[in-house]
Protein backbone atom coordinates (compact mmCIF):
# COMPACT_ATOMS: atom_id res chain seq x y z
CA MET A 1 -64.65 51.03 13.64
CA TYR A 2 -65.35 50.04 17.04
CA LYS A 3 -65.45 52.65 19.75
CA ILE A 4 -64.26 50.87 23.01
CA LEU A 5 -64.10 52.40 26.76
CA THR A 6 -61.15 51.46 29.02
CA ILE A 7 -61.21 52.00 32.60
CA ASN A 8 -58.30 51.25 35.26
CA PRO A 9 -59.51 51.94 38.71
CA GLY A 10 -56.20 52.48 40.89
CA SER A 11 -56.34 53.82 44.52
CA THR A 12 -56.00 57.34 43.72
CA SER A 13 -57.35 57.79 40.45
CA THR A 14 -59.67 56.22 38.12
CA LYS A 15 -57.66 56.12 34.45
CA ILE A 16 -60.10 56.03 31.28
CA GLY A 17 -58.95 55.97 27.80
CA LEU A 18 -61.08 55.77 24.19
CA PHE A 19 -59.93 53.64 21.42
CA GLN A 20 -61.07 53.24 17.99
CA ASP A 21 -60.53 49.59 17.45
CA THR A 22 -56.82 49.68 19.06
CA THR A 23 -55.73 53.08 18.27
CA GLU A 24 -55.88 55.72 21.10
CA VAL A 25 -58.16 58.58 21.32
CA PHE A 26 -57.36 59.71 24.30
CA VAL A 27 -56.49 59.14 27.73
CA GLN A 28 -57.39 60.44 30.77
CA SER A 29 -56.71 60.49 34.59
CA ILE A 30 -58.91 61.24 37.07
CA THR A 31 -57.40 61.95 40.13
CA HIS A 32 -59.35 61.30 43.83
CA SER A 33 -58.20 63.30 46.71
CA ALA A 34 -57.21 61.22 49.89
CA GLU A 35 -59.76 63.31 51.70
CA ASP A 36 -62.34 62.07 49.44
CA ILE A 37 -61.08 58.50 49.43
CA ALA A 38 -61.09 58.61 53.31
CA LYS A 39 -65.00 59.40 53.35
CA PHE A 40 -65.63 55.92 52.48
CA PRO A 41 -65.18 52.78 54.75
CA ALA A 42 -64.32 50.13 52.12
CA VAL A 43 -63.18 49.95 48.58
CA ILE A 44 -67.02 48.99 47.14
CA ASP A 45 -68.20 51.76 48.96
CA GLN A 46 -66.43 54.13 46.03
CA PHE A 47 -68.52 52.95 43.56
CA ALA A 48 -71.16 56.10 43.11
CA TYR A 49 -68.36 58.27 43.86
CA ARG A 50 -66.07 56.95 41.01
CA LEU A 51 -69.00 56.32 38.70
CA GLU A 52 -70.44 59.91 39.35
CA ASN A 53 -66.83 61.19 38.18
CA ILE A 54 -66.17 59.19 34.91
CA GLU A 55 -70.11 60.35 33.52
CA ASN A 56 -68.91 64.05 34.56
CA PHE A 57 -65.83 63.45 32.37
CA LEU A 58 -68.05 62.02 29.58
CA SER A 59 -70.57 64.61 29.07
CA LYS A 60 -67.87 66.93 29.31
CA GLN A 61 -66.21 65.39 26.40
CA ASN A 62 -69.55 64.82 24.64
CA ILE A 63 -69.38 61.09 25.13
CA SER A 64 -72.26 59.14 24.68
CA VAL A 65 -72.32 55.40 26.19
CA ASN A 66 -75.03 54.92 23.43
CA ASN A 67 -72.32 55.05 20.99
CA LEU A 68 -69.91 52.53 22.61
CA SER A 69 -69.13 49.23 21.22
CA ALA A 70 -67.61 47.69 23.99
CA ILE A 71 -66.71 48.65 27.81
CA VAL A 72 -63.69 47.19 29.12
CA ALA A 73 -62.45 47.46 32.96
CA ARG A 74 -59.03 46.23 34.74
CA GLY A 75 -60.15 43.19 36.73
CA GLY A 76 -60.13 43.06 40.16
CA LEU A 77 -59.40 40.02 43.03
CA LEU A 78 -61.19 37.08 41.80
CA LYS A 79 -60.80 33.36 41.68
CA PRO A 80 -57.96 31.64 40.15
CA MET A 81 -58.61 31.93 36.17
CA VAL A 82 -56.68 31.09 32.70
CA SER A 83 -55.71 33.89 30.56
CA GLY A 84 -58.35 35.89 27.87
CA THR A 85 -61.11 38.44 28.16
CA TYR A 86 -64.19 37.57 30.20
CA GLN A 87 -67.47 38.79 29.56
CA ILE A 88 -68.96 40.44 33.03
CA ASN A 89 -71.31 38.79 34.46
CA ALA A 90 -73.50 38.28 37.61
CA ALA A 91 -71.31 35.63 39.36
CA MET A 92 -68.03 37.70 38.89
CA LEU A 93 -70.04 41.14 40.18
CA ASP A 94 -71.08 39.33 43.10
CA ASP A 95 -67.55 37.90 44.04
CA LEU A 96 -66.21 41.45 43.69
CA LYS A 97 -69.34 43.11 45.30
CA HIS A 98 -68.47 40.98 48.64
CA SER A 99 -64.85 40.95 48.23
CA ARG A 100 -64.36 37.49 48.40
CA TYR A 101 -60.98 36.99 47.28
CA GLY A 102 -60.01 40.34 48.70
CA ALA A 103 -60.44 44.33 48.32
CA HIS A 104 -58.85 46.23 46.17
CA ALA A 105 -59.65 49.00 44.07
CA SER A 106 -59.14 47.22 40.96
CA ASN A 107 -62.56 45.60 42.39
CA LEU A 108 -64.48 48.38 41.13
CA GLY A 109 -63.70 48.13 37.47
CA ALA A 110 -65.81 45.72 36.47
CA LEU A 111 -68.84 46.95 38.27
CA LEU A 112 -68.30 50.51 36.76
CA ALA A 113 -68.27 48.99 33.04
CA ASP A 114 -71.01 46.62 34.06
CA LYS A 115 -73.20 49.95 34.81
CA LEU A 116 -72.13 52.24 32.03
CA ALA A 117 -72.35 48.68 29.55
CA ALA A 118 -76.05 48.56 30.76
CA GLU A 119 -76.84 52.33 30.07
CA GLY A 120 -75.09 51.95 26.69
CA ARG A 121 -76.28 48.49 25.56
CA CYS A 122 -73.32 47.34 24.97
CA ASN A 123 -70.92 44.28 26.17
CA ALA A 124 -68.54 44.95 29.43
CA TYR A 125 -65.52 42.84 29.49
CA ILE A 126 -62.35 42.24 32.05
CA VAL A 127 -58.86 41.19 30.72
CA ASP A 128 -55.77 39.16 32.29
CA PRO A 129 -56.90 40.45 35.81
CA VAL A 130 -54.03 39.62 38.21
CA VAL A 131 -55.44 36.36 39.22
CA VAL A 132 -54.82 34.70 35.90
CA ASP A 133 -53.36 31.13 37.13
CA GLU A 134 -51.47 29.07 34.34
CA LEU A 135 -49.04 27.55 36.96
CA ALA A 136 -47.83 23.96 35.95
CA PRO A 137 -48.78 21.66 38.54
CA ILE A 138 -44.96 21.10 39.68
CA ALA A 139 -45.20 24.84 40.42
CA ARG A 140 -48.29 24.70 42.76
CA LEU A 141 -45.74 23.01 45.85
CA SER A 142 -44.74 25.19 48.34
CA GLY A 143 -42.60 22.58 50.36
CA ARG A 144 -45.50 22.77 53.18
CA PRO A 145 -48.44 20.72 52.54
CA GLU A 146 -51.15 22.81 53.71
CA LEU A 147 -50.02 25.96 51.39
CA THR A 148 -50.10 26.02 47.79
CA ARG A 149 -48.22 28.81 45.66
CA LYS A 150 -50.66 31.38 44.14
CA SER A 151 -50.13 33.33 41.00
CA ILE A 152 -50.78 36.96 41.54
CA PHE A 153 -48.84 39.05 38.92
CA HIS A 154 -48.85 41.68 36.41
CA ALA A 155 -50.95 39.39 33.90
CA LEU A 156 -52.67 42.28 31.87
CA ASN A 157 -48.97 43.85 30.86
CA HIS A 158 -47.06 40.50 30.66
CA LYS A 159 -49.91 38.79 28.34
CA ALA A 160 -50.18 41.95 26.09
CA VAL A 161 -45.97 42.39 25.70
CA ALA A 162 -45.99 38.96 24.44
CA LYS A 163 -48.53 39.00 22.16
CA ARG A 164 -47.56 42.59 20.64
CA PHE A 165 -43.70 41.23 20.32
CA ALA A 166 -44.48 38.28 19.44
CA LYS A 167 -45.99 40.01 16.06
CA THR A 168 -42.71 42.13 15.68
CA VAL A 169 -40.93 38.37 15.24
CA ASN A 170 -43.48 36.86 13.18
CA ARG A 171 -44.05 34.25 15.47
CA SER A 172 -47.04 33.70 17.61
CA TYR A 173 -46.90 33.63 21.26
CA GLU A 174 -47.88 30.43 22.02
CA ASN A 175 -44.67 29.41 19.95
CA LEU A 176 -42.31 31.19 22.36
CA ASN A 177 -40.64 30.31 24.82
CA LEU A 178 -39.99 34.12 26.94
CA ILE A 179 -39.24 35.10 30.26
CA ILE A 180 -41.21 37.96 31.11
CA ALA A 181 -39.80 40.67 33.91
CA HIS A 182 -42.74 43.50 34.86
CA LEU A 183 -40.30 46.33 36.53
CA GLY A 184 -42.62 48.50 38.74
CA GLY A 185 -43.60 49.39 42.46
CA GLY A 186 -43.95 45.46 42.07
CA ILE A 187 -41.76 43.00 40.44
CA SER A 188 -43.00 39.83 38.93
CA VAL A 189 -41.13 37.34 36.83
CA ALA A 190 -42.50 34.64 34.67
CA CYS A 191 -41.73 32.09 32.36
CA HIS A 192 -44.34 31.69 29.65
CA THR A 193 -44.54 28.36 27.56
CA LEU A 194 -46.75 27.18 25.11
CA GLY A 195 -48.57 30.57 25.69
CA GLN A 196 -49.03 30.15 29.28
CA ALA A 197 -47.22 31.54 32.29
CA VAL A 198 -46.13 28.31 33.71
CA GLU A 199 -43.69 29.68 36.30
CA VAL A 200 -44.17 33.87 38.06
CA ASN A 201 -43.47 34.71 41.29
CA ASN A 202 -46.71 36.06 43.85
CA CYS A 203 -45.42 39.43 43.98
CA LEU A 204 -48.73 40.61 45.99
CA ASN A 205 -47.63 38.77 48.78
CA GLY A 206 -43.64 39.46 48.35
CA GLU A 207 -42.70 36.57 46.74
CA GLY A 208 -39.63 36.91 44.58
CA PRO A 209 -37.08 39.65 44.00
CA PHE A 210 -37.29 42.92 45.93
CA SER A 211 -38.83 45.86 44.33
CA PRO A 212 -39.32 49.50 45.26
CA GLU A 213 -42.46 49.23 47.07
CA ARG A 214 -42.75 45.50 48.20
CA ALA A 215 -41.23 43.36 50.72
CA GLY A 216 -39.30 46.28 52.83
CA THR A 217 -36.71 47.42 50.47
CA LEU A 218 -36.24 50.75 48.88
CA PRO A 219 -38.89 52.32 51.33
CA TYR A 220 -36.07 52.52 53.70
CA LEU A 221 -34.00 54.89 52.13
CA GLY A 222 -36.84 56.86 52.27
CA THR A 223 -38.49 56.66 48.67
CA THR A 224 -39.97 54.43 46.39
CA ASP A 225 -38.63 56.45 43.35
CA VAL A 226 -36.22 54.73 41.59
CA ARG A 227 -35.01 57.82 39.65
CA GLU A 228 -34.21 59.53 43.07
CA VAL A 229 -32.06 56.58 43.89
CA GLU A 230 -30.34 56.69 40.75
CA ARG A 231 -29.53 60.60 41.53
CA ARG A 232 -28.43 59.85 45.00
CA ILE A 233 -25.97 57.25 43.59
CA ALA A 234 -24.72 59.61 41.23
CA ASP A 235 -24.19 62.03 44.20
CA GLY A 236 -21.93 59.41 46.01
CA ASP A 237 -24.69 57.88 48.05
CA LYS A 238 -23.13 54.66 48.80
CA GLN A 239 -25.95 52.90 50.79
CA ALA A 240 -28.69 53.86 47.87
CA GLU A 241 -25.46 52.13 45.47
CA LEU A 242 -25.84 49.05 47.67
CA VAL A 243 -29.60 48.57 47.89
CA TYR A 244 -30.21 49.35 44.13
CA ASN A 245 -27.54 47.30 42.94
CA ALA A 246 -29.11 44.53 45.37
CA MET A 247 -32.51 44.66 43.92
CA ILE A 248 -31.27 44.33 40.38
CA TYR A 249 -29.05 41.20 41.81
CA THR A 250 -32.28 39.66 42.97
CA ILE A 251 -34.39 40.53 39.84
CA ALA A 252 -31.31 38.62 37.99
CA LYS A 253 -31.68 35.84 39.98
CA SER A 254 -35.53 35.69 39.64
CA ILE A 255 -35.09 35.51 35.72
CA GLY A 256 -32.49 33.07 35.97
CA ALA A 257 -34.64 30.71 37.70
CA ALA A 258 -37.29 31.51 35.63
CA ALA A 259 -35.24 29.85 32.67
CA ILE A 260 -35.58 26.15 34.63
CA PRO A 261 -39.01 25.22 33.39
CA VAL A 262 -38.02 25.37 30.04
CA CYS A 263 -34.91 23.90 30.51
CA GLY A 264 -33.00 26.61 29.74
CA LYS A 265 -34.31 26.82 25.88
CA VAL A 266 -35.70 30.40 26.49
CA ASP A 267 -36.11 32.41 22.78
CA TYR A 268 -36.08 36.09 24.57
CA ILE A 269 -36.25 37.69 27.69
CA ILE A 270 -38.57 40.97 28.18
CA LEU A 271 -38.07 43.89 30.27
CA THR A 272 -41.08 45.89 30.90
CA GLY A 273 -43.10 48.36 33.10
CA GLY A 274 -42.11 51.68 34.70
CA ILE A 275 -38.46 50.84 35.87
CA ALA A 276 -37.71 49.61 32.41
CA TYR A 277 -37.08 52.92 31.40
CA SER A 278 -34.12 53.32 33.01
CA GLU A 279 -31.22 52.80 30.83
CA GLN A 280 -28.93 52.22 34.16
CA LEU A 281 -31.14 49.72 35.64
CA THR A 282 -31.84 47.47 32.34
CA ALA A 283 -28.10 47.91 31.42
CA LYS A 284 -27.05 46.17 34.43
CA LEU A 285 -29.63 43.60 34.00
CA LYS A 286 -28.49 42.66 30.67
CA GLU A 287 -24.93 42.35 31.73
CA TYR A 288 -26.45 39.31 34.50
CA VAL A 289 -28.97 37.63 32.28
CA SER A 290 -27.78 38.08 28.31
CA PHE A 291 -26.08 35.00 28.45
CA ILE A 292 -29.22 33.35 28.40
CA ALA A 293 -31.23 34.36 26.11
CA PRO A 294 -31.19 37.98 23.77
CA VAL A 295 -33.03 40.76 26.27
CA VAL A 296 -35.86 43.11 24.63
CA ILE A 297 -36.78 46.30 26.75
CA LEU A 298 -40.17 47.18 26.12
CA PRO A 299 -40.57 50.18 28.91
CA GLY A 300 -44.05 51.10 30.09
CA GLU A 301 -47.21 49.42 30.96
CA ASN A 302 -49.98 50.81 28.63
CA GLU A 303 -52.78 48.83 30.80
CA LEU A 304 -55.62 51.09 29.15
CA GLN A 305 -54.06 49.67 25.37
CA ALA A 306 -54.05 46.47 26.35
CA LEU A 307 -57.53 46.56 27.59
CA ALA A 308 -58.44 47.95 24.40
CA GLU A 309 -56.48 45.38 22.35
CA GLY A 310 -58.09 42.39 24.49
CA ALA A 311 -61.65 43.68 23.94
CA TYR A 312 -60.97 44.10 20.16
CA ARG A 313 -59.79 40.77 19.66
CA VAL A 314 -63.44 39.59 20.88
CA LEU A 315 -65.41 42.02 18.69
CA ILE A 316 -63.03 41.02 15.88
CA GLY A 317 -63.79 37.23 16.60
CA GLU A 318 -59.93 36.49 16.86
CA GLU A 319 -60.79 35.48 20.31
CA THR A 320 -64.06 34.11 22.03
CA ALA A 321 -65.13 36.13 25.37
CA LYS A 322 -64.70 33.43 28.47
CA GLU A 323 -67.11 33.30 31.20
CA TYR A 324 -66.54 33.55 34.75
CA GLN A 325 -68.23 30.46 36.87
CA LEU A 326 -68.41 30.02 40.50
């Protein structure tokens, strides 16, 4: 079996996981205090600190990088690219080190994977970073000639969920028309057809439905936790109820709009992400959109699992690793 180490750097944590093929052995979140993170003037300056944390943890678990088949990390802000698993190379590392396309904690992923893989003499990859761009040409126009629409979304979870689901209905992802709504701190709704996300909102810059953390929505209730909002509604808070229902309404509108690229011929609508655990929210969404297509609820993100699956497809020859180019 292949041993695959996965790395997902977030703003205040570094999540790592060990998988045998695609079966989870363990998942661990290394928490970084706000005080420690504040010591570094830029995200890229956290590299040595995060590397030391990972190495210390692996040492305590008696895990040697020399026994790994591959190391795979969450991709950062890079130039737009098609979906897939990419072998980490010098061009990718240079763009990330210099934050050419933006600074984010996820930029550290490839740098950490590359360093550890060099020590273990194995391959290092990233899978479906947020900048996966498969927009149809017609979807790129914004109405402003000087501004084209950008594709920035939860590509890793969208693609992994789509491929897993396709297997459960004995279809290939490439032969399904899907609308996938990732419901989390940010919300992205995409139309997937012929294996590509041809239309999606740029959730990083606040395009599309409002969400718990983006575009100034639920925070004005003083929380970004949807569970807290639902508790307030249960206690009779009418303002919380209005905002909550408005968020669901805007998500539903985006799902409806995502049916346009395939002329309404949608096979399934998939609701995923952390908020999809809310039965109250998904029930309301289904009332709005089930007329379009059957609604399937696959909650959670499982990003480490998705990373392992991407590397595994390359290791077994199901896919060929792509090359990042300047």
